[in-house]
């Protein structure tokens, strides 16, 4: 008889747990217009709730329209991005930091090379330390246990992020590209079409 431990390498690894720095990728069946085909970077996940930024919803407005002092420092294109449906009158800055050397002024390292920007800090101090910078209007938020419930319902895939995910020039294919780079059956979701006749 083969022991269970002997089968371990044959079983797929469990999906990553939701945590700061992970991505939530919308399941194709998620039809809420706020989150359909979105990729969300989790900034925080705890028993009290969760907060994240939608990475692939560019807005027509430029950063210059809202935070002109940051316009010359953001990654192209210089659009604002809609970070989610909550708090659209507020902004969150996201930066990519090269290396592992602490936290430069005005930046709080989230995980790895990803940091949150203090948009009240002088950009001429913050920007030189960043290899990428983007500004998001609003955020995605979940109350206590809400995200866990949505995960249990299969609304989201939880996957590891890569440093460039939040700073791509073209975000139109981000959802598909993140799915396709997975080495599990999650990648199959990238082939989904909205019309069930072609699935």
C-alpha atoms as a PDB file:
ATOM      1  CA  UNK A   1       0.000   0.000   0.000  1.00  0.00           C
ATOM      2  CA  UNK A   2       1.322   3.433  -0.916  1.00  0.00           C
ATOM      3  CA  UNK A   3       1.338   5.901   1.940  1.00  0.00           C
ATOM      4  CA  UNK A   4      -0.263   9.313   1.557  1.00  0.00           C
ATOM      5  CA  UNK A   5       3.132  10.999   1.935  1.00  0.00           C
ATOM      6  CA  UNK A   6       4.383   9.174  -1.142  1.00  0.00           C
ATOM      7  CA  UNK A   7       1.639  10.836  -3.207  1.00  0.00           C
ATOM      8  CA  UNK A   8       2.497  14.308  -1.959  1.00  0.00           C
ATOM      9  CA  UNK A   9       4.674  15.325  -4.933  1.00  0.00           C
ATOM     10  CA  UNK A  10       1.894  14.281  -7.340  1.00  0.00           C
ATOM     11  CA  UNK A  11      -0.675  16.580  -5.784  1.00  0.00           C
ATOM     12  CA  UNK A  12      -0.813  20.216  -6.950  1.00  0.00           C
ATOM     13  CA  UNK A  13       0.469  22.700  -4.383  1.00  0.00           C
ATOM     14  CA  UNK A  14      -2.211  24.616  -2.477  1.00  0.00           C
ATOM     15  CA  UNK A  15      -2.940  28.107  -3.843  1.00  0.00           C
ATOM     16  CA  UNK A  16      -1.206  30.983  -2.072  1.00  0.00           C
ATOM     17  CA  UNK A  17      -3.095  32.401   0.874  1.00  0.00           C
ATOM     18  CA  UNK A  18      -4.437  35.957   0.588  1.00  0.00           C
ATOM     19  CA  UNK A  19      -1.818  38.294   2.017  1.00  0.00           C
ATOM     20  CA  UNK A  20      -0.260  41.679   1.392  1.00  0.00           C
ATOM     21  CA  UNK A  21       1.521  41.592  -1.950  1.00  0.00           C
ATOM     22  CA  UNK A  22      -0.555  38.756  -3.459  1.00  0.00           C
ATOM     23  CA  UNK A  23      -2.825  39.236  -6.458  1.00  0.00           C
ATOM     24  CA  UNK A  24      -6.526  38.561  -6.617  1.00  0.00           C
ATOM     25  CA  UNK A  25      -7.462  37.660 -10.192  1.00  0.00           C
ATOM     26  CA  UNK A  26     -11.168  37.765 -10.966  1.00  0.00           C
ATOM     27  CA  UNK A  27     -12.705  34.429 -11.945  1.00  0.00           C
ATOM     28  CA  UNK A  28     -14.315  34.657 -15.409  1.00  0.00           C
ATOM     29  CA  UNK A  29     -17.729  34.150 -13.797  1.00  0.00           C
ATOM     30  CA  UNK A  30     -17.357  37.309 -11.683  1.00  0.00           C
ATOM     31  CA  UNK A  31     -19.660  39.738 -13.499  1.00  0.00           C
ATOM     32  CA  UNK A  32     -19.710  42.659 -11.040  1.00  0.00           C
ATOM     33  CA  UNK A  33     -18.719  45.568 -13.349  1.00  0.00           C
ATOM     34  CA  UNK A  34     -16.401  46.941 -10.650  1.00  0.00           C
ATOM     35  CA  UNK A  35     -14.308  43.775 -10.720  1.00  0.00           C
ATOM     36  CA  UNK A  36     -14.929  41.937 -13.992  1.00  0.00           C
ATOM     37  CA  UNK A  37     -11.573  40.796 -15.465  1.00  0.00           C
ATOM     38  CA  UNK A  38      -9.625  42.717 -12.829  1.00  0.00           C
ATOM     39  CA  UNK A  39      -6.300  42.072 -11.164  1.00  0.00           C
ATOM     40  CA  UNK A  40      -6.156  43.381  -7.590  1.00  0.00           C
ATOM     41  CA  UNK A  41      -2.956  43.848  -5.597  1.00  0.00           C
ATOM     42  CA  UNK A  42      -3.690  43.189  -1.929  1.00  0.00           C
ATOM     43  CA  UNK A  43      -2.259  45.872   0.332  1.00  0.00           C
ATOM     44  CA  UNK A  44      -3.636  44.358   3.519  1.00  0.00           C
ATOM     45  CA  UNK A  45      -5.524  41.249   4.599  1.00  0.00           C
ATOM     46  CA  UNK A  46      -6.470  40.524   8.201  1.00  0.00           C
ATOM     47  CA  UNK A  47      -9.362  39.451  10.393  1.00  0.00           C
ATOM     48  CA  UNK A  48     -10.588  43.052  10.334  1.00  0.00           C
ATOM     49  CA  UNK A  49     -10.874  43.170   6.539  1.00  0.00           C
ATOM     50  CA  UNK A  50      -8.905  43.586   3.343  1.00  0.00           C
ATOM     51  CA  UNK A  51      -7.753  46.430   1.120  1.00  0.00           C
ATOM     52  CA  UNK A  52      -6.334  46.347  -2.387  1.00  0.00           C
ATOM     53  CA  UNK A  53      -5.786  48.218  -5.642  1.00  0.00           C
ATOM     54  CA  UNK A  54      -7.232  47.267  -9.015  1.00  0.00           C
ATOM     55  CA  UNK A  55      -4.205  47.389 -11.318  1.00  0.00           C
ATOM     56  CA  UNK A  56      -5.883  47.345 -14.737  1.00  0.00           C
ATOM     57  CA  UNK A  57      -8.467  50.141 -14.778  1.00  0.00           C
ATOM     58  CA  UNK A  58      -6.852  53.245 -16.332  1.00  0.00           C
ATOM     59  CA  UNK A  59      -8.941  56.394 -16.252  1.00  0.00           C
ATOM     60  CA  UNK A  60      -9.153  59.113 -18.898  1.00  0.00           C
ATOM     61  CA  UNK A  61      -7.892  61.731 -16.427  1.00  0.00           C
ATOM     62  CA  UNK A  62      -4.185  62.367 -16.103  1.00  0.00           C
ATOM     63  CA  UNK A  63      -2.397  62.609 -12.778  1.00  0.00           C
ATOM     64  CA  UNK A  64      -1.836  66.285 -13.667  1.00  0.00           C
ATOM     65  CA  UNK A  65      -5.587  66.899 -13.294  1.00  0.00           C
ATOM     66  CA  UNK A  66      -5.574  65.846  -9.648  1.00  0.00           C
ATOM     67  CA  UNK A  67      -2.002  65.820  -8.323  1.00  0.00           C
ATOM     68  CA  UNK A  68      -0.015  68.017 -10.716  1.00  0.00           C
ATOM     69  CA  UNK A  69       3.199  67.840  -8.649  1.00  0.00           C
ATOM     70  CA  UNK A  70       3.367  64.073  -9.294  1.00  0.00           C
ATOM     71  CA  UNK A  71       2.635  64.182 -13.027  1.00  0.00           C
ATOM     72  CA  UNK A  72       6.252  64.272 -14.189  1.00  0.00           C
ATOM     73  CA  UNK A  73       7.206  61.368 -11.914  1.00  0.00           C
ATOM     74  CA  UNK A  74       4.646  58.672 -12.721  1.00  0.00           C
ATOM     75  CA  UNK A  75       5.221  55.718 -15.006  1.00  0.00           C
ATOM     76  CA  UNK A  76       3.845  56.099 -18.539  1.00  0.00           C
ATOM     77  CA  UNK A  77       1.074  56.481 -19.389  1.00  0.00           C
ATOM     78  CA  UNK A  78       0.518  59.316 -16.876  1.00  0.00           C
ATOM     79  CA  UNK A  79      -3.132  58.397 -16.308  1.00  0.00           C
ATOM     80  CA  UNK A  80      -4.839  58.004 -12.999  1.00  0.00           C
ATOM     81  CA  UNK A  81      -5.958  54.434 -12.399  1.00  0.00           C
ATOM     82  CA  UNK A  82      -9.168  53.498 -10.621  1.00  0.00           C
ATOM     83  CA  UNK A  83      -7.974  51.450  -7.675  1.00  0.00           C
ATOM     84  CA  UNK A  84     -11.510  50.361  -6.855  1.00  0.00           C
ATOM     85  CA  UNK A  85     -15.012  51.608  -6.151  1.00  0.00           C
ATOM     86  CA  UNK A  86     -14.324  52.798  -2.583  1.00  0.00           C
ATOM     87  CA  UNK A  87     -13.055  56.272  -1.706  1.00  0.00           C
ATOM     88  CA  UNK A  88     -12.796  57.652  -5.236  1.00  0.00           C
ATOM     89  CA  UNK A  89     -12.046  61.103  -3.806  1.00  0.00           C
ATOM     90  CA  UNK A  90      -8.791  59.836  -2.291  1.00  0.00           C
ATOM     91  CA  UNK A  91      -5.548  58.684  -3.894  1.00  0.00           C
ATOM     92  CA  UNK A  92      -2.978  55.982  -3.157  1.00  0.00           C
ATOM     93  CA  UNK A  93       0.485  55.914  -4.676  1.00  0.00           C
ATOM     94  CA  UNK A  94       2.289  52.692  -5.524  1.00  0.00           C
ATOM     95  CA  UNK A  95       6.014  52.456  -6.255  1.00  0.00           C
ATOM     96  CA  UNK A  96       8.529  49.852  -7.299  1.00  0.00           C
ATOM     97  CA  UNK A  97      11.802  49.966  -5.370  1.00  0.00           C
ATOM     98  CA  UNK A  98      15.019  48.546  -6.764  1.00  0.00           C
ATOM     99  CA  UNK A  99      17.096  46.475  -4.349  1.00  0.00           C
ATOM    100  CA  UNK A 100      16.337  45.569  -0.751  1.00  0.00           C
ATOM    101  CA  UNK A 101      17.755  48.596   1.048  1.00  0.00           C
ATOM    102  CA  UNK A 102      15.228  49.681   3.660  1.00  0.00           C
ATOM    103  CA  UNK A 103      12.622  52.341   3.009  1.00  0.00           C
ATOM    104  CA  UNK A 104      13.573  55.655   1.383  1.00  0.00           C
ATOM    105  CA  UNK A 105      11.762  58.754   2.696  1.00  0.00           C
ATOM    106  CA  UNK A 106       8.103  58.889   1.703  1.00  0.00           C
ATOM    107  CA  UNK A 107       7.916  55.173   0.851  1.00  0.00           C
ATOM    108  CA  UNK A 108       6.656  52.264   2.940  1.00  0.00           C
ATOM    109  CA  UNK A 109       7.737  48.880   1.633  1.00  0.00           C
ATOM    110  CA  UNK A 110       4.744  46.550   1.330  1.00  0.00           C
ATOM    111  CA  UNK A 111       6.462  43.358   0.228  1.00  0.00           C
ATOM    112  CA  UNK A 112       9.537  42.701  -1.891  1.00  0.00           C
ATOM    113  CA  UNK A 113      10.059  45.654  -4.219  1.00  0.00           C
ATOM    114  CA  UNK A 114       6.523  47.050  -3.887  1.00  0.00           C
ATOM    115  CA  UNK A 115       5.959  50.115  -1.720  1.00  0.00           C
ATOM    116  CA  UNK A 116       3.140  52.516  -0.889  1.00  0.00           C
ATOM    117  CA  UNK A 117       3.878  56.190  -1.534  1.00  0.00           C
ATOM    118  CA  UNK A 118       3.165  59.052   0.832  1.00  0.00           C
ATOM    119  CA  UNK A 119       1.630  61.433  -1.714  1.00  0.00           C
ATOM    120  CA  UNK A 120       1.997  64.310   0.762  1.00  0.00           C
ATOM    121  CA  UNK A 121       5.792  63.927   0.630  1.00  0.00           C
ATOM    122  CA  UNK A 122       7.783  66.054  -1.841  1.00  0.00           C
ATOM    123  CA  UNK A 123       7.938  64.078  -5.102  1.00  0.00           C
ATOM    124  CA  UNK A 124      11.495  65.268  -5.803  1.00  0.00           C
ATOM    125  CA  UNK A 125      12.576  63.334  -2.697  1.00  0.00           C
ATOM    126  CA  UNK A 126      10.469  60.228  -3.305  1.00  0.00           C
ATOM    127  CA  UNK A 127      10.679  59.750  -7.075  1.00  0.00           C
ATOM    128  CA  UNK A 128      14.467  59.270  -7.437  1.00  0.00           C
ATOM    129  CA  UNK A 129      14.267  56.155  -5.241  1.00  0.00           C
ATOM    130  CA  UNK A 130      11.502  54.550  -7.331  1.00  0.00           C
ATOM    131  CA  UNK A 131      11.874  52.496 -10.506  1.00  0.00           C
ATOM    132  CA  UNK A 132       8.146  52.881 -11.177  1.00  0.00           C
ATOM    133  CA  UNK A 133       5.346  54.979  -9.719  1.00  0.00           C
ATOM    134  CA  UNK A 134       1.593  55.002 -10.261  1.00  0.00           C
ATOM    135  CA  UNK A 135      -1.344  56.854  -8.665  1.00  0.00           C
ATOM    136  CA  UNK A 136      -4.701  55.220  -7.997  1.00  0.00           C
ATOM    137  CA  UNK A 137      -7.996  56.936  -7.262  1.00  0.00           C
ATOM    138  CA  UNK A 138      -9.969  54.882  -4.760  1.00  0.00           C
ATOM    139  CA  UNK A 139      -9.400  51.320  -3.644  1.00  0.00           C
ATOM    140  CA  UNK A 140     -11.076  47.955  -3.282  1.00  0.00           C
ATOM    141  CA  UNK A 141     -12.215  47.113   0.245  1.00  0.00           C
ATOM    142  CA  UNK A 142     -13.744  44.152   2.036  1.00  0.00           C
ATOM    143  CA  UNK A 143     -15.154  43.999   5.560  1.00  0.00           C
ATOM    144  CA  UNK A 144     -14.270  41.356   8.112  1.00  0.00           C
ATOM    145  CA  UNK A 145     -14.577  37.907   6.528  1.00  0.00           C
ATOM    146  CA  UNK A 146     -16.021  39.259   3.272  1.00  0.00           C
ATOM    147  CA  UNK A 147     -13.053  38.430   1.063  1.00  0.00           C
ATOM    148  CA  UNK A 148     -12.719  34.989   2.625  1.00  0.00           C
ATOM    149  CA  UNK A 149     -16.367  34.345   1.741  1.00  0.00           C
ATOM    150  CA  UNK A 150     -15.777  35.441  -1.867  1.00  0.00           C
ATOM    151  CA  UNK A 151     -12.724  33.188  -2.084  1.00  0.00           C
ATOM    152  CA  UNK A 152     -14.753  30.257  -0.768  1.00  0.00           C
ATOM    153  CA  UNK A 153     -17.337  30.952  -3.484  1.00  0.00           C
ATOM    154  CA  UNK A 154     -14.586  30.831  -6.129  1.00  0.00           C
ATOM    155  CA  UNK A 155     -14.886  34.493  -7.174  1.00  0.00           C
ATOM    156  CA  UNK A 156     -11.109  35.035  -7.134  1.00  0.00           C
ATOM    157  CA  UNK A 157      -7.877  33.223  -7.835  1.00  0.00           C
ATOM    158  CA  UNK A 158      -5.071  34.073  -5.409  1.00  0.00           C
ATOM    159  CA  UNK A 159      -1.684  34.114  -7.154  1.00  0.00           C
ATOM    160  CA  UNK A 160       1.778  35.511  -6.532  1.00  0.00           C
ATOM    161  CA  UNK A 161       2.523  38.964  -7.894  1.00  0.00           C
ATOM    162  CA  UNK A 162       5.538  40.001  -9.953  1.00  0.00           C
ATOM    163  CA  UNK A 163       7.303  43.345  -9.416  1.00  0.00           C
ATOM    164  CA  UNK A 164       6.201  44.845 -12.737  1.00  0.00           C
ATOM    165  CA  UNK A 165       2.499  43.993 -12.481  1.00  0.00           C
ATOM    166  CA  UNK A 166       1.491  47.410 -11.184  1.00  0.00           C
ATOM    167  CA  UNK A 167       3.595  49.422 -13.623  1.00  0.00           C
ATOM    168  CA  UNK A 168       2.937  48.065 -17.107  1.00  0.00           C
ATOM    169  CA  UNK A 169       2.432  50.567 -19.883  1.00  0.00           C
ATOM    170  CA  UNK A 170      -0.404  48.483 -21.350  1.00  0.00           C
ATOM    171  CA  UNK A 171      -2.739  47.009 -18.755  1.00  0.00           C
ATOM    172  CA  UNK A 172      -5.385  45.770 -21.218  1.00  0.00           C
ATOM    173  CA  UNK A 173      -4.025  42.205 -21.262  1.00  0.00           C
ATOM    174  CA  UNK A 174      -2.868  42.051 -17.619  1.00  0.00           C
ATOM    175  CA  UNK A 175      -5.726  39.777 -16.488  1.00  0.00           C
ATOM    176  CA  UNK A 176      -5.021  37.246 -19.231  1.00  0.00           C
ATOM    177  CA  UNK A 177      -1.245  37.473 -18.901  1.00  0.00           C
ATOM    178  CA  UNK A 178      -1.300  36.865 -15.142  1.00  0.00           C
ATOM    179  CA  UNK A 179      -3.485  33.796 -15.630  1.00  0.00           C
ATOM    180  CA  UNK A 180      -1.344  32.408 -18.447  1.00  0.00           C
ATOM    181  CA  UNK A 181       1.845  32.530 -16.404  1.00  0.00           C
ATOM    182  CA  UNK A 182       0.371  30.188 -13.781  1.00  0.00           C
ATOM    183  CA  UNK A 183       1.672  26.618 -13.788  1.00  0.00           C
ATOM    184  CA  UNK A 184      -1.585  25.089 -12.542  1.00  0.00           C
ATOM    185  CA  UNK A 185      -5.031  24.628 -14.064  1.00  0.00           C
ATOM    186  CA  UNK A 186      -5.729  28.263 -13.123  1.00  0.00           C
ATOM    187  CA  UNK A 187      -4.103  29.164 -16.460  1.00  0.00           C
ATOM    188  CA  UNK A 188      -7.044  27.576 -18.285  1.00  0.00           C
ATOM    189  CA  UNK A 189      -9.296  30.432 -17.124  1.00  0.00           C
ATOM    190  CA  UNK A 190      -7.463  32.720 -19.557  1.00  0.00           C
ATOM    191  CA  UNK A 191      -9.146  30.896 -22.453  1.00  0.00           C
ATOM    192  CA  UNK A 192     -12.648  31.649 -21.175  1.00  0.00           C
ATOM    193  CA  UNK A 193     -14.939  33.557 -23.501  1.00  0.00           C
ATOM    194  CA  UNK A 194     -18.015  35.426 -22.374  1.00  0.00           C
ATOM    195  CA  UNK A 195     -20.200  33.466 -24.782  1.00  0.00           C
ATOM    196  CA  UNK A 196     -20.690  29.927 -23.360  1.00  0.00           C
ATOM    197  CA  UNK A 197     -21.183  28.650 -26.908  1.00  0.00           C
ATOM    198  CA  UNK A 198     -17.440  29.060 -27.557  1.00  0.00           C
ATOM    199  CA  UNK A 199     -16.151  27.647 -24.255  1.00  0.00           C
END
